[in-house]
């Protein structure tokens, strides 16, 4: 749905010594939400992504159409399914093992004081934060997203079509 409206151009491919011309969508078009729309609290709701939910699942749940997944991604300026969305807890544990080494999840990542500021280990108010705790915090910060209110989705689609 997102790329269907993009203009197309002919591109010549060399396939096994034969020339073939194919119509390609111009994905270099840069479509974004205007900053004033993103900052207007009345146009969106906040939503906490549950384990296993993808933008398609959320779009189906909120808008009744999984094809609106791109609205969710653009609204939140998230473009990478892997890096920009939270992992399941099982995937997070695997990620921590891969990143820090098996058995190092509970090693100290850094220290914080009671106000949450990063401090040196010799600070009298220092508490250690493990690798797992740190990565859990990073992962959890990805859960809260903005969802365009369903009553403005037709306006979003009109603006998108006007831009394209």
Protein backbone atom coordinates (compact mmCIF):
# COMPACT_ATOMS: atom_id res chain seq x y z
CA UNK A 1 0.00 0.00 0.00
CA UNK A 2 2.74 2.49 0.92
CA UNK A 3 4.85 2.08 -2.21
CA UNK A 4 1.90 1.55 -4.59
CA UNK A 5 1.43 5.30 -5.06
CA UNK A 6 5.11 6.10 -5.61
CA UNK A 7 6.02 7.07 -9.18
CA UNK A 8 7.79 4.43 -11.23
CA UNK A 9 10.64 4.55 -13.70
CA UNK A 10 12.13 2.09 -16.17
CA UNK A 11 15.39 0.45 -15.14
CA UNK A 12 17.47 -1.81 -17.34
CA UNK A 13 18.91 -4.97 -15.75
CA UNK A 14 21.52 -7.27 -17.24
CA UNK A 15 20.31 -10.77 -16.36
CA UNK A 16 22.52 -13.63 -17.51
CA UNK A 17 23.72 -11.62 -20.47
CA UNK A 18 20.23 -10.54 -21.49
CA UNK A 19 18.91 -7.02 -21.08
CA UNK A 20 15.56 -6.67 -19.33
CA UNK A 21 13.69 -3.43 -18.59
CA UNK A 22 11.64 -3.41 -15.39
CA UNK A 23 9.40 -0.74 -13.86
CA UNK A 24 10.71 0.18 -10.39
CA UNK A 25 9.04 2.26 -7.67
CA UNK A 26 10.99 5.41 -6.87
CA UNK A 27 11.67 4.67 -3.22
CA UNK A 28 13.90 7.72 -2.94
CA UNK A 29 10.79 9.81 -2.29
CA UNK A 30 10.98 11.04 1.28
CA UNK A 31 7.54 11.05 2.89
CA UNK A 32 7.36 12.13 6.53
CA UNK A 33 4.79 13.51 8.92
CA UNK A 34 5.04 17.22 9.49
CA UNK A 35 6.62 18.08 12.85
CA UNK A 36 3.57 20.11 13.91
CA UNK A 37 1.35 17.05 13.43
CA UNK A 38 3.69 14.87 15.51
CA UNK A 39 3.77 17.46 18.29
CA UNK A 40 -0.03 17.92 18.39
CA UNK A 41 -1.10 15.67 21.27
CA UNK A 42 -4.77 15.69 20.21
CA UNK A 43 -4.08 13.78 16.98
CA UNK A 44 -2.60 10.67 18.50
CA UNK A 45 -2.80 8.23 21.37
CA UNK A 46 0.05 6.45 23.06
CA UNK A 47 0.32 2.68 22.82
CA UNK A 48 2.59 0.15 24.53
CA UNK A 49 3.78 -2.59 22.19
CA UNK A 50 3.27 -6.07 23.59
CA UNK A 51 5.71 -8.93 23.03
CA UNK A 52 5.37 -10.32 19.54
CA UNK A 53 3.45 -7.37 18.11
CA UNK A 54 4.62 -6.02 14.78
CA UNK A 55 3.53 -2.78 13.11
CA UNK A 56 1.17 -4.88 10.94
CA UNK A 57 -0.49 -6.47 13.97
CA UNK A 58 -0.88 -3.08 15.67
CA UNK A 59 -2.31 -1.50 12.48
CA UNK A 60 -4.83 -4.32 12.15
CA UNK A 61 -5.80 -3.94 15.80
CA UNK A 62 -6.14 -0.13 15.70
CA UNK A 63 -7.23 0.63 12.12
CA UNK A 64 -8.68 -2.71 11.01
CA UNK A 65 -6.13 -2.89 8.19
CA UNK A 66 -2.59 -4.25 8.47
CA UNK A 67 -1.62 -2.28 5.35
CA UNK A 68 -1.48 0.90 7.50
CA UNK A 69 1.65 -0.37 9.26
CA UNK A 70 3.66 2.34 7.48
CA UNK A 71 1.59 5.04 9.24
CA UNK A 72 2.75 3.66 12.58
CA UNK A 73 6.37 3.51 11.44
CA UNK A 74 6.40 7.03 9.98
CA UNK A 75 4.52 8.54 12.89
CA UNK A 76 7.19 7.23 15.26
CA UNK A 77 10.12 7.77 12.91
CA UNK A 78 10.99 4.09 13.17
CA UNK A 79 12.24 2.51 10.00
CA UNK A 80 14.00 -0.69 11.08
CA UNK A 81 11.82 -3.60 12.20
CA UNK A 82 14.67 -5.12 14.17
CA UNK A 83 16.48 -2.20 15.77
CA UNK A 84 13.56 0.20 16.28
CA UNK A 85 10.99 -2.12 17.88
CA UNK A 86 11.19 -4.01 21.17
CA UNK A 87 12.38 -7.59 21.26
CA UNK A 88 10.54 -10.36 23.03
CA UNK A 89 12.15 -11.26 26.35
CA UNK A 90 13.47 -14.50 24.89
CA UNK A 91 15.07 -12.62 21.98
CA UNK A 92 16.45 -10.05 24.42
CA UNK A 93 18.21 -12.76 26.42
CA UNK A 94 19.72 -14.17 23.22
CA UNK A 95 20.80 -10.67 22.18
CA UNK A 96 22.49 -10.06 25.56
CA UNK A 97 24.36 -13.37 25.29
CA UNK A 98 25.46 -12.53 21.73
CA UNK A 99 26.53 -8.98 22.61
CA UNK A 100 28.25 -9.56 25.97
CA UNK A 101 29.06 -13.26 25.81
CA UNK A 102 27.27 -16.22 27.35
CA UNK A 103 27.29 -15.95 31.13
CA UNK A 104 27.98 -12.20 31.22
CA UNK A 105 24.40 -10.93 31.51
CA UNK A 106 24.88 -10.07 35.19
CA UNK A 107 28.29 -8.40 34.81
CA UNK A 108 28.34 -4.70 35.58
CA UNK A 109 27.58 -2.48 32.61
CA UNK A 110 27.87 0.85 34.47
CA UNK A 111 27.00 2.55 37.76
CA UNK A 112 24.23 5.01 38.61
CA UNK A 113 23.40 7.09 41.67
CA UNK A 114 20.02 7.36 43.37
CA UNK A 115 19.01 10.10 40.92
CA UNK A 116 19.72 7.86 37.94
CA UNK A 117 22.87 9.65 36.77
CA UNK A 118 25.82 7.61 35.54
CA UNK A 119 28.65 7.81 38.08
CA UNK A 120 32.02 6.21 38.78
CA UNK A 121 32.13 2.99 40.77
CA UNK A 122 33.78 4.76 43.71
CA UNK A 123 30.88 7.22 44.14
CA UNK A 124 29.39 6.66 47.63
CA UNK A 125 25.88 6.56 46.11
CA UNK A 126 26.83 4.21 43.23
CA UNK A 127 24.70 1.19 42.34
CA UNK A 128 25.68 -1.22 39.62
CA UNK A 129 23.56 -1.78 36.52
CA UNK A 130 24.09 -5.14 34.88
CA UNK A 131 24.34 -5.73 31.16
CA UNK A 132 20.90 -7.34 31.25
CA UNK A 133 19.35 -4.46 33.21
CA UNK A 134 20.83 -1.95 30.79
CA UNK A 135 19.55 -3.79 27.70
CA UNK A 136 16.13 -4.29 29.34
CA UNK A 137 15.91 -0.52 29.79
CA UNK A 138 16.86 0.15 26.18
CA UNK A 139 14.34 -2.45 25.00
CA UNK A 140 11.52 -1.16 27.21
CA UNK A 141 12.07 2.40 25.98
CA UNK A 142 11.02 1.17 22.52
CA UNK A 143 7.59 -0.02 23.72
CA UNK A 144 5.76 3.32 23.91
CA UNK A 145 4.72 4.60 20.50
CA UNK A 146 2.34 7.17 19.07
CA UNK A 147 -0.74 5.94 17.26
CA UNK A 148 -2.64 8.29 14.97
CA UNK A 149 -6.26 8.40 16.05
CA UNK A 150 -8.39 6.21 13.77
CA UNK A 151 -10.64 9.20 12.99
CA UNK A 152 -7.73 11.02 11.25
CA UNK A 153 -6.48 8.10 9.16
CA UNK A 154 -8.47 9.23 6.11
CA UNK A 155 -6.88 12.69 6.38
CA UNK A 156 -3.42 11.08 6.63
CA UNK A 157 -4.13 9.03 3.51
CA UNK A 158 -5.30 12.13 1.62
CA UNK A 159 -2.16 14.08 2.60
CA UNK A 160 0.02 11.12 1.63
CA UNK A 161 -1.65 10.91 -1.79
CA UNK A 162 -1.26 14.67 -2.27
CA UNK A 163 2.47 14.48 -1.48
CA UNK A 164 3.06 11.57 -3.81
